[in-house]
PDB file of N, CA and C in Angstrom:
ATOM      1  N   MET A   1     -59.988 140.274 206.571  1.00  0.00           N
ATOM      2  CA  MET A   1     -59.846 142.127 206.778  1.00  0.00           C
ATOM      3  C   MET A   1     -58.636 142.737 207.029  1.00  0.00           C
ATOM      4  N   THR A   2     -57.998 143.034 206.282  1.00  0.00           N
ATOM      5  CA  THR A   2     -56.585 143.074 206.871  1.00  0.00           C
ATOM      6  C   THR A   2     -56.669 144.566 207.934  1.00  0.00           C
ATOM      7  N   GLN A   3     -55.569 144.596 208.693  1.00  0.00           N
ATOM      8  CA  GLN A   3     -55.430 145.036 209.575  1.00  0.00           C
ATOM      9  C   GLN A   3     -55.370 146.864 208.867  1.00  0.00           C
ATOM     10  N   LEU A   4     -56.066 148.082 209.283  1.00  0.00           N
ATOM     11  CA  LEU A   4     -55.707 149.269 209.391  1.00  0.00           C
ATOM     12  C   LEU A   4     -54.611 149.719 210.009  1.00  0.00           C
ATOM     13  N   THR A   5     -53.401 150.808 209.547  1.00  0.00           N
ATOM     14  CA  THR A   5     -52.778 151.347 209.885  1.00  0.00           C
ATOM     15  C   THR A   5     -53.112 152.732 210.943  1.00  0.00           C
ATOM     16  N   ASP A   6     -52.089 153.448 211.842  1.00  0.00           N
ATOM     17  CA  ASP A   6     -52.957 154.460 212.328  1.00  0.00           C
ATOM     18  C   ASP A   6     -52.977 155.728 211.634  1.00  0.00           C
ATOM     19  N   THR A   7     -52.402 155.667 210.593  1.00  0.00           N
ATOM     20  CA  THR A   7     -52.375 156.808 209.647  1.00  0.00           C
ATOM     21  C   THR A   7     -54.328 156.737 209.050  1.00  0.00           C
ATOM     22  N   GLU A   8     -54.536 155.019 208.718  1.00  0.00           N
ATOM     23  CA  GLU A   8     -55.846 155.239 208.274  1.00  0.00           C
ATOM     24  C   GLU A   8     -57.088 155.632 209.229  1.00  0.00           C
ATOM     25  N   ILE A   9     -56.686 155.011 209.985  1.00  0.00           N
ATOM     26  CA  ILE A   9     -57.366 155.135 211.316  1.00  0.00           C
ATOM     27  C   ILE A   9     -58.044 156.626 211.439  1.00  0.00           C
ATOM     28  N   VAL A  10     -56.803 157.350 211.656  1.00  0.00           N
ATOM     29  CA  VAL A  10     -56.733 158.713 211.908  1.00  0.00           C
ATOM     30  C   VAL A  10     -57.606 159.614 210.775  1.00  0.00           C
ATOM     31  N   THR A  11     -57.377 159.021 209.151  1.00  0.00           N
ATOM     32  CA  THR A  11     -58.034 159.623 208.321  1.00  0.00           C
ATOM     33  C   THR A  11     -59.680 159.248 208.411  1.00  0.00           C
ATOM     34  N   ARG A  12     -59.757 158.305 209.132  1.00  0.00           N
ATOM     35  CA  ARG A  12     -61.286 158.072 208.727  1.00  0.00           C
ATOM     36  C   ARG A  12     -61.934 158.620 209.783  1.00  0.00           C
ATOM     37  N   ILE A  13     -61.283 158.567 210.891  1.00  0.00           N
ATOM     38  CA  ILE A  13     -62.036 159.603 212.139  1.00  0.00           C
ATOM     39  C   ILE A  13     -61.860 160.746 211.926  1.00  0.00           C
ATOM     40  N   ARG A  14     -60.856 161.869 211.297  1.00  0.00           N
ATOM     41  CA  ARG A  14     -61.356 162.745 210.646  1.00  0.00           C
ATOM     42  C   ARG A  14     -62.529 163.326 209.592  1.00  0.00           C
ATOM     43  N   SER A  15     -62.702 162.198 208.816  1.00  0.00           N
ATOM     44  CA  SER A  15     -63.825 162.424 207.890  1.00  0.00           C
ATOM     45  C   SER A  15     -65.201 162.212 208.692  1.00  0.00           C
ATOM     46  N   VAL A  16     -65.188 161.329 209.666  1.00  0.00           N
ATOM     47  CA  VAL A  16     -66.085 161.056 210.538  1.00  0.00           C
ATOM     48  C   VAL A  16     -66.772 162.426 211.164  1.00  0.00           C
ATOM     49  N   LEU A  17     -65.478 162.896 211.939  1.00  0.00           N
ATOM     50  CA  LEU A  17     -65.690 164.387 212.698  1.00  0.00           C
ATOM     51  C   LEU A  17     -66.419 165.079 211.462  1.00  0.00           C
ATOM     52  N   GLY A  18     -65.354 164.935 210.574  1.00  0.00           N
ATOM     53  CA  GLY A  18     -65.823 165.847 209.496  1.00  0.00           C
ATOM     54  C   GLY A  18     -67.476 166.691 209.419  1.00  0.00           C
ATOM     55  N   ARG A  19     -67.824 164.813 209.087  1.00  0.00           N
ATOM     56  CA  ARG A  19     -69.592 165.034 208.745  1.00  0.00           C
ATOM     57  C   ARG A  19     -70.345 165.770 209.660  1.00  0.00           C
ATOM     58  N   THR A  20     -69.889 165.586 211.200  1.00  0.00           N
ATOM     59  CA  THR A  20     -70.906 166.331 212.152  1.00  0.00           C
ATOM     60  C   THR A  20     -70.010 167.453 212.134  1.00  0.00           C
ATOM     61  N   LEU A  21     -68.469 167.458 212.583  1.00  0.00           N
ATOM     62  CA  LEU A  21     -68.381 168.825 213.089  1.00  0.00           C
ATOM     63  C   LEU A  21     -67.916 169.880 212.066  1.00  0.00           C
ATOM     64  N   GLY A  22     -67.798 169.722 210.829  1.00  0.00           N
ATOM     65  CA  GLY A  22     -67.470 170.502 209.605  1.00  0.00           C
ATOM     66  C   GLY A  22     -66.069 170.061 209.872  1.00  0.00           C
ATOM     67  N   ASP A  23     -65.528 171.575 208.778  1.00  0.00           N
ATOM     68  CA  ASP A  23     -64.067 171.310 208.444  1.00  0.00           C
ATOM     69  C   ASP A  23     -63.150 171.930 209.368  1.00  0.00           C
ATOM     70  N   ALA A  24     -63.667 172.453 210.702  1.00  0.00           N
ATOM     71  CA  ALA A  24     -62.872 172.744 211.452  1.00  0.00           C
ATOM     72  C   ALA A  24     -61.484 171.692 212.377  1.00  0.00           C
ATOM     73  N   VAL A  25     -62.351 170.461 212.350  1.00  0.00           N
ATOM     74  CA  VAL A  25     -61.973 169.368 212.520  1.00  0.00           C
ATOM     75  C   VAL A  25     -60.760 168.777 211.623  1.00  0.00           C
ATOM     76  N   ASP A  26     -60.171 169.338 210.176  1.00  0.00           N
ATOM     77  CA  ASP A  26     -59.121 169.488 209.420  1.00  0.00           C
ATOM     78  C   ASP A  26     -58.137 169.898 210.066  1.00  0.00           C
ATOM     79  N   HIS A  27     -58.137 171.228 211.009  1.00  0.00           N
ATOM     80  CA  HIS A  27     -57.041 171.237 211.219  1.00  0.00           C
ATOM     81  C   HIS A  27     -56.647 171.572 212.600  1.00  0.00           C
ATOM     82  N   LEU A  28     -57.200 170.905 213.308  1.00  0.00           N
ATOM     83  CA  LEU A  28     -56.947 170.695 214.616  1.00  0.00           C
ATOM     84  C   LEU A  28     -55.822 169.442 214.910  1.00  0.00           C
ATOM     85  N   ALA A  29     -54.620 169.693 215.593  1.00  0.00           N
ATOM     86  CA  ALA A  29     -53.480 169.202 216.048  1.00  0.00           C
ATOM     87  C   ALA A  29     -54.738 167.614 216.405  1.00  0.00           C
ATOM     88  N   GLN A  30     -53.589 166.530 216.634  1.00  0.00           N
ATOM     89  CA  GLN A  30     -54.034 165.358 216.510  1.00  0.00           C
ATOM     90  C   GLN A  30     -54.442 165.111 218.700  1.00  0.00           C
ATOM     91  N   ASP A  31     -53.602 166.147 218.987  1.00  0.00           N
ATOM     92  CA  ASP A  31     -54.099 165.948 220.556  1.00  0.00           C
ATOM     93  C   ASP A  31     -54.440 167.422 220.981  1.00  0.00           C
ATOM     94  N   ALA A  32     -55.380 167.840 220.471  1.00  0.00           N
ATOM     95  CA  ALA A  32     -55.823 168.819 220.529  1.00  0.00           C
ATOM     96  C   ALA A  32     -57.391 168.388 221.225  1.00  0.00           C
ATOM     97  N   ASP A  33     -57.924 169.118 222.343  1.00  0.00           N
ATOM     98  CA  ASP A  33     -58.591 168.712 222.953  1.00  0.00           C
ATOM     99  C   ASP A  33     -60.196 169.435 222.491  1.00  0.00           C
ATOM    100  N   LEU A  34     -61.000 168.211 221.802  1.00  0.00           N
ATOM    101  CA  LEU A  34     -62.161 168.798 221.050  1.00  0.00           C
ATOM    102  C   LEU A  34     -63.073 169.763 221.867  1.00  0.00           C
ATOM    103  N   ALA A  35     -63.023 169.348 223.002  1.00  0.00           N
ATOM    104  CA  ALA A  35     -64.038 170.753 223.865  1.00  0.00           C
ATOM    105  C   ALA A  35     -63.564 171.765 223.974  1.00  0.00           C
ATOM    106  N   GLN A  36     -62.531 171.728 224.656  1.00  0.00           N
ATOM    107  CA  GLN A  36     -61.378 173.491 224.368  1.00  0.00           C
ATOM    108  C   GLN A  36     -61.684 173.820 222.783  1.00  0.00           C
ATOM    109  N   ALA A  37     -61.105 173.042 221.919  1.00  0.00           N
ATOM    110  CA  ALA A  37     -60.864 173.681 220.961  1.00  0.00           C
ATOM    111  C   ALA A  37     -62.297 174.175 220.007  1.00  0.00           C
ATOM    112  N   LEU A  38     -63.401 173.174 219.972  1.00  0.00           N
ATOM    113  CA  LEU A  38     -64.549 173.591 218.965  1.00  0.00           C
ATOM    114  C   LEU A  38     -65.333 174.245 220.078  1.00  0.00           C
ATOM    115  N   GLY A  39     -65.393 174.247 221.347  1.00  0.00           N
ATOM    116  CA  GLY A  39     -66.454 175.169 221.718  1.00  0.00           C
ATOM    117  C   GLY A  39     -67.581 174.110 222.264  1.00  0.00           C
ATOM    118  N   GLU A  40     -68.851 175.304 222.367  1.00  0.00           N
ATOM    119  CA  GLU A  40     -70.077 174.599 222.276  1.00  0.00           C
ATOM    120  C   GLU A  40     -70.636 173.906 220.776  1.00  0.00           C
ATOM    121  N   ARG A  41     -69.395 173.813 220.039  1.00  0.00           N
ATOM    122  CA  ARG A  41     -69.853 172.893 218.511  1.00  0.00           C
ATOM    123  C   ARG A  41     -69.527 170.993 219.462  1.00  0.00           C
ATOM    124  N   TYR A  42     -68.702 170.792 220.116  1.00  0.00           N
ATOM    125  CA  TYR A  42     -68.470 170.169 220.639  1.00  0.00           C
ATOM    126  C   TYR A  42     -69.072 169.466 221.986  1.00  0.00           C
ATOM    127  N   ASP A  43     -70.586 169.493 221.805  1.00  0.00           N
ATOM    128  CA  ASP A  43     -71.334 169.399 223.409  1.00  0.00           C
ATOM    129  C   ASP A  43     -71.540 167.606 223.073  1.00  0.00           C
ATOM    130  N   SER A  44     -72.570 167.372 224.738  1.00  0.00           N
ATOM    131  CA  SER A  44     -72.349 166.402 225.217  1.00  0.00           C
ATOM    132  C   SER A  44     -73.181 165.772 223.782  1.00  0.00           C
ATOM    133  N   LEU A  45     -74.106 166.403 223.062  1.00  0.00           N
ATOM    134  CA  LEU A  45     -75.083 165.473 222.247  1.00  0.00           C
ATOM    135  C   LEU A  45     -74.017 165.063 221.015  1.00  0.00           C
ATOM    136  N   THR A  46     -73.108 166.260 220.651  1.00  0.00           N
ATOM    137  CA  THR A  46     -72.600 166.336 219.177  1.00  0.00           C
ATOM    138  C   THR A  46     -71.324 165.513 219.339  1.00  0.00           C
ATOM    139  N   ALA A  47     -70.989 165.182 221.053  1.00  0.00           N
ATOM    140  CA  ALA A  47     -69.583 164.029 221.137  1.00  0.00           C
ATOM    141  C   ALA A  47     -70.902 162.377 220.958  1.00  0.00           C
ATOM    142  N   MET A  48     -71.889 162.233 221.548  1.00  0.00           N
ATOM    143  CA  MET A  48     -72.562 161.372 221.538  1.00  0.00           C
ATOM    144  C   MET A  48     -72.690 161.093 219.767  1.00  0.00           C
ATOM    145  N   GLU A  49     -72.937 161.711 219.048  1.00  0.00           N
ATOM    146  CA  GLU A  49     -73.288 161.901 217.659  1.00  0.00           C
ATOM    147  C   GLU A  49     -71.781 161.153 217.186  1.00  0.00           C
ATOM    148  N   CYS A  50     -70.917 162.014 217.263  1.00  0.00           N
ATOM    149  CA  CYS A  50     -69.244 161.461 216.661  1.00  0.00           C
ATOM    150  C   CYS A  50     -69.113 159.955 217.428  1.00  0.00           C
ATOM    151  N   ILE A  51     -69.590 159.235 218.567  1.00  0.00           N
ATOM    152  CA  ILE A  51     -69.367 158.288 219.029  1.00  0.00           C
ATOM    153  C   ILE A  51     -69.842 157.029 217.957  1.00  0.00           C
ATOM    154  N   THR A  52     -71.145 157.567 217.988  1.00  0.00           N
ATOM    155  CA  THR A  52     -71.839 157.044 217.105  1.00  0.00           C
ATOM    156  C   THR A  52     -71.939 156.378 215.568  1.00  0.00           C
ATOM    157  N   ALA A  53     -71.259 157.784 214.991  1.00  0.00           N
ATOM    158  CA  ALA A  53     -70.983 157.701 213.667  1.00  0.00           C
ATOM    159  C   ALA A  53     -69.413 156.665 214.086  1.00  0.00           C
ATOM    160  N   ILE A  54     -68.847 156.936 214.651  1.00  0.00           N
ATOM    161  CA  ILE A  54     -67.260 156.181 214.719  1.00  0.00           C
ATOM    162  C   ILE A  54     -67.700 154.466 214.875  1.00  0.00           C
ATOM    163  N   GLU A  55     -68.689 154.309 215.429  1.00  0.00           N
ATOM    164  CA  GLU A  55     -68.871 153.033 215.581  1.00  0.00           C
ATOM    165  C   GLU A  55     -69.064 152.559 214.395  1.00  0.00           C
ATOM    166  N   GLY A  56     -70.305 153.039 214.133  1.00  0.00           N
ATOM    167  CA  GLY A  56     -70.486 152.399 212.642  1.00  0.00           C
ATOM    168  C   GLY A  56     -69.417 152.631 211.298  1.00  0.00           C
ATOM    169  N   GLU A  57     -68.605 153.696 211.331  1.00  0.00           N
ATOM    170  CA  GLU A  57     -67.313 153.758 210.676  1.00  0.00           C
ATOM    171  C   GLU A  57     -66.511 152.399 210.952  1.00  0.00           C
ATOM    172  N   PHE A  58     -66.368 152.008 211.915  1.00  0.00           N
ATOM    173  CA  PHE A  58     -65.105 151.184 212.451  1.00  0.00           C
ATOM    174  C   PHE A  58     -66.074 149.784 212.656  1.00  0.00           C
ATOM    175  N   ASP A  59     -67.501 149.336 212.704  1.00  0.00           N
ATOM    176  CA  ASP A  59     -67.931 148.455 213.377  1.00  0.00           C
ATOM    177  C   ASP A  59     -67.489 147.854 214.500  1.00  0.00           C
ATOM    178  N   ILE A  60     -67.292 148.903 215.503  1.00  0.00           N
ATOM    179  CA  ILE A  60     -67.083 148.201 216.378  1.00  0.00           C
ATOM    180  C   ILE A  60     -68.276 149.022 217.840  1.00  0.00           C
ATOM    181  N   GLU A  61     -67.943 148.248 219.018  1.00  0.00           N
ATOM    182  CA  GLU A  61     -69.060 149.213 219.564  1.00  0.00           C
ATOM    183  C   GLU A  61     -68.521 149.498 221.577  1.00  0.00           C
ATOM    184  N   VAL A  62     -68.614 150.772 221.478  1.00  0.00           N
ATOM    185  CA  VAL A  62     -68.249 151.385 222.828  1.00  0.00           C
ATOM    186  C   VAL A  62     -69.428 151.295 224.186  1.00  0.00           C
ATOM    187  N   ASP A  63     -68.601 150.637 224.843  1.00  0.00           N
ATOM    188  CA  ASP A  63     -69.461 150.290 226.166  1.00  0.00           C
ATOM    189  C   ASP A  63     -69.118 151.679 227.335  1.00  0.00           C
ATOM    190  N   PHE A  64     -70.757 152.343 227.213  1.00  0.00           N
ATOM    191  CA  PHE A  64     -70.293 153.663 228.060  1.00  0.00           C
ATOM    192  C   PHE A  64     -70.006 153.386 229.512  1.00  0.00           C
ATOM    193  N   VAL A  65     -70.579 152.030 229.888  1.00  0.00           N
ATOM    194  CA  VAL A  65     -70.051 152.010 231.135  1.00  0.00           C
ATOM    195  C   VAL A  65     -68.579 151.532 231.317  1.00  0.00           C
ATOM    196  N   ALA A  66     -68.096 150.436 230.634  1.00  0.00           N
ATOM    197  CA  ALA A  66     -66.917 150.021 230.894  1.00  0.00           C
ATOM    198  C   ALA A  66     -65.278 150.926 229.944  1.00  0.00           C
ATOM    199  N   HIS A  67     -66.052 151.574 229.312  1.00  0.00           N
ATOM    200  CA  HIS A  67     -65.379 152.484 228.461  1.00  0.00           C
ATOM    201  C   HIS A  67     -65.519 153.936 229.303  1.00  0.00           C
ATOM    202  N   ASP A  68     -64.037 154.744 229.563  1.00  0.00           N
ATOM    203  CA  ASP A  68     -64.189 156.267 229.812  1.00  0.00           C
ATOM    204  C   ASP A  68     -64.323 156.897 228.206  1.00  0.00           C
ATOM    205  N   VAL A  69     -65.605 157.517 227.949  1.00  0.00           N
ATOM    206  CA  VAL A  69     -65.454 158.022 226.739  1.00  0.00           C
ATOM    207  C   VAL A  69     -65.219 159.407 227.127  1.00  0.00           C
ATOM    208  N   ARG A  70     -65.302 159.861 228.098  1.00  0.00           N
ATOM    209  CA  ARG A  70     -64.599 161.232 228.070  1.00  0.00           C
ATOM    210  C   ARG A  70     -63.003 161.668 227.838  1.00  0.00           C
ATOM    211  N   HIS A  71     -62.590 160.492 228.446  1.00  0.00           N
ATOM    212  CA  HIS A  71     -61.163 160.417 228.029  1.00  0.00           C
ATOM    213  C   HIS A  71     -60.613 160.025 226.766  1.00  0.00           C
ATOM    214  N   TRP A  72     -61.458 158.962 226.315  1.00  0.00           N
ATOM    215  CA  TRP A  72     -60.856 158.152 224.790  1.00  0.00           C
ATOM    216  C   TRP A  72     -61.582 158.996 223.510  1.00  0.00           C
ATOM    217  N   PHE A  73     -62.907 160.090 223.861  1.00  0.00           N
ATOM    218  CA  PHE A  73     -63.059 160.729 222.583  1.00  0.00           C
ATOM    219  C   PHE A  73     -62.652 162.341 223.228  1.00  0.00           C
ATOM    220  N   ALA A  74     -61.978 162.489 223.688  1.00  0.00           N
ATOM    221  CA  ALA A  74     -61.506 164.040 224.129  1.00  0.00           C
ATOM    222  C   ALA A  74     -60.773 164.503 222.838  1.00  0.00           C
ATOM    223  N   THR A  75     -59.731 163.602 222.352  1.00  0.00           N
ATOM    224  CA  THR A  75     -59.066 164.085 221.039  1.00  0.00           C
ATOM    225  C   THR A  75     -58.823 162.927 219.854  1.00  0.00           C
ATOM    226  N   VAL A  76     -58.097 163.419 219.131  1.00  0.00           N
ATOM    227  CA  VAL A  76     -58.739 162.793 217.846  1.00  0.00           C
ATOM    228  C   VAL A  76     -57.171 161.248 217.580  1.00  0.00           C
ATOM    229  N   ALA A  77     -56.467 161.639 218.652  1.00  0.00           N
ATOM    230  CA  ALA A  77     -55.106 160.907 218.904  1.00  0.00           C
ATOM    231  C   ALA A  77     -55.625 159.476 219.584  1.00  0.00           C
ATOM    232  N   ARG A  78     -56.311 160.279 221.024  1.00  0.00           N
ATOM    233  CA  ARG A  78     -57.095 158.779 221.452  1.00  0.00           C
ATOM    234  C   ARG A  78     -57.952 158.159 221.042  1.00  0.00           C
ATOM    235  N   MET A  79     -59.190 158.683 220.417  1.00  0.00           N
ATOM    236  CA  MET A  79     -60.063 158.373 219.344  1.00  0.00           C
ATOM    237  C   MET A  79     -59.322 157.035 218.405  1.00  0.00           C
ATOM    238  N   ALA A  80     -58.048 157.400 217.654  1.00  0.00           N
ATOM    239  CA  ALA A  80     -57.496 156.704 217.292  1.00  0.00           C
ATOM    240  C   ALA A  80     -56.973 155.075 217.775  1.00  0.00           C
ATOM    241  N   ARG A  81     -56.136 155.540 219.139  1.00  0.00           N
ATOM    242  CA  ARG A  81     -56.170 154.396 219.788  1.00  0.00           C
ATOM    243  C   ARG A  81     -56.779 153.728 220.421  1.00  0.00           C
ATOM    244  N   PHE A  82     -58.053 154.204 220.534  1.00  0.00           N
ATOM    245  CA  PHE A  82     -59.284 153.741 221.383  1.00  0.00           C
ATOM    246  C   PHE A  82     -59.366 152.355 220.122  1.00  0.00           C
ATOM    247  N   VAL A  83     -59.966 153.043 218.701  1.00  0.00           N
ATOM    248  CA  VAL A  83     -60.514 152.419 217.932  1.00  0.00           C
ATOM    249  C   VAL A  83     -59.297 151.419 217.130  1.00  0.00           C
ATOM    250  N   GLY A  84     -57.969 151.602 217.090  1.00  0.00           N
ATOM    251  CA  GLY A  84     -57.205 150.549 217.038  1.00  0.00           C
ATOM    252  C   GLY A  84     -57.472 149.444 218.076  1.00  0.00           C
ATOM    253  N   ASP A  85     -57.178 149.788 219.112  1.00  0.00           N
ATOM    254  CA  ASP A  85     -57.624 148.665 220.259  1.00  0.00           C
ATOM    255  C   ASP A  85     -58.170 147.879 219.993  1.00  0.00           C
ATOM    256  N   ARG A  86     -59.718 148.376 220.028  1.00  0.00           N
ATOM    257  CA  ARG A  86     -60.606 147.883 219.358  1.00  0.00           C
ATOM    258  C   ARG A  86     -60.672 146.858 218.556  1.00  0.00           C
ATOM    259  N   LEU A  87     -59.918 147.335 217.490  1.00  0.00           N
ATOM    260  CA  LEU A  87     -59.767 146.486 216.224  1.00  0.00           C
ATOM    261  C   LEU A  87     -58.957 145.626 216.515  1.00  0.00           C
ATOM    262  N   GLU A  88     -57.920 145.463 217.228  1.00  0.00           N
ATOM    263  CA  GLU A  88     -56.968 144.623 217.328  1.00  0.00           C
ATOM    264  C   GLU A  88     -57.168 143.434 218.599  1.00  0.00           C
ATOM    265  N   ASP A  89     -58.155 143.852 219.396  1.00  0.00           N
ATOM    266  CA  ASP A  89     -59.127 143.072 219.908  1.00  0.00           C
ATOM    267  C   ASP A  89     -60.234 142.102 218.888  1.00  0.00           C
ATOM    268  N   ARG A  90     -60.659 142.524 217.839  1.00  0.00           N
ATOM    269  CA  ARG A  90     -61.807 141.653 217.491  1.00  0.00           C
ATOM    270  C   ARG A  90     -60.636 140.968 216.248  1.00  0.00           C
ATOM    271  N   ALA A  91     -59.557 141.204 216.058  1.00  0.00           N
ATOM    272  CA  ALA A  91     -58.733 140.968 215.300  1.00  0.00           C
ATOM    273  C   ALA A  91     -57.991 139.252 216.157  1.00  0.00           C
ATOM    274  N   LEU A  92     -57.589 139.324 217.103  1.00  0.00           N
ATOM    275  CA  LEU A  92     -57.111 138.279 218.129  1.00  0.00           C
ATOM    276  C   LEU A  92     -58.255 137.514 218.446  1.00  0.00           C
ATOM    277  N   LEU A  93     -59.533 137.788 218.740  1.00  0.00           N
ATOM    278  CA  LEU A  93     -60.752 137.172 219.254  1.00  0.00           C
ATOM    279  C   LEU A  93     -60.699 136.365 217.301  1.00  0.00           C
ATOM    280  N   ARG A  94     -60.791 136.842 216.179  1.00  0.00           N
ATOM    281  CA  ARG A  94     -61.522 135.868 215.243  1.00  0.00           C
ATOM    282  C   ARG A  94     -60.047 135.063 215.363  1.00  0.00           C
ATOM    283  N   SER A  95     -58.744 135.376 215.601  1.00  0.00           N
ATOM    284  CA  SER A  95     -57.560 134.251 214.775  1.00  0.00           C
ATOM    285  C   SER A  95     -57.614 133.309 215.880  1.00  0.00           C
ATOM    286  N   GLU A  96     -58.336 133.347 216.893  1.00  0.00           N
ATOM    287  CA  GLU A  96     -58.466 131.941 217.935  1.00  0.00           C
ATOM    288  C   GLU A  96     -59.750 131.440 217.822  1.00  0.00           C
ATOM    289  N   ARG A  97     -60.077 131.596 216.923  1.00  0.00           N
ATOM    290  CA  ARG A  97     -61.698 130.761 216.486  1.00  0.00           C
ATOM    291  C   ARG A  97     -61.340 129.143 215.601  1.00  0.00           C
TER     292      ARG A  97
END
């Protein structure tokens, strides 16, 4: 599998979020705090749905004990960095085999 670019990751994250939160996500800046920008539309249950959807989209696993999900899933930019880091880790582990 080829490594995704940052732009591709952001595009896919926005698509996933759009399926859960609607098109309001399309107009948010990457560094906009989702809880503040979307209010009640991004509550704890919706955040969990988004995290689960992102796990499925990128075939990654979020460890709710080890990863600070409140931090990493607060903005699109942070989500993209988190996903990029997980994908990079996976690629490195595969190359060492």
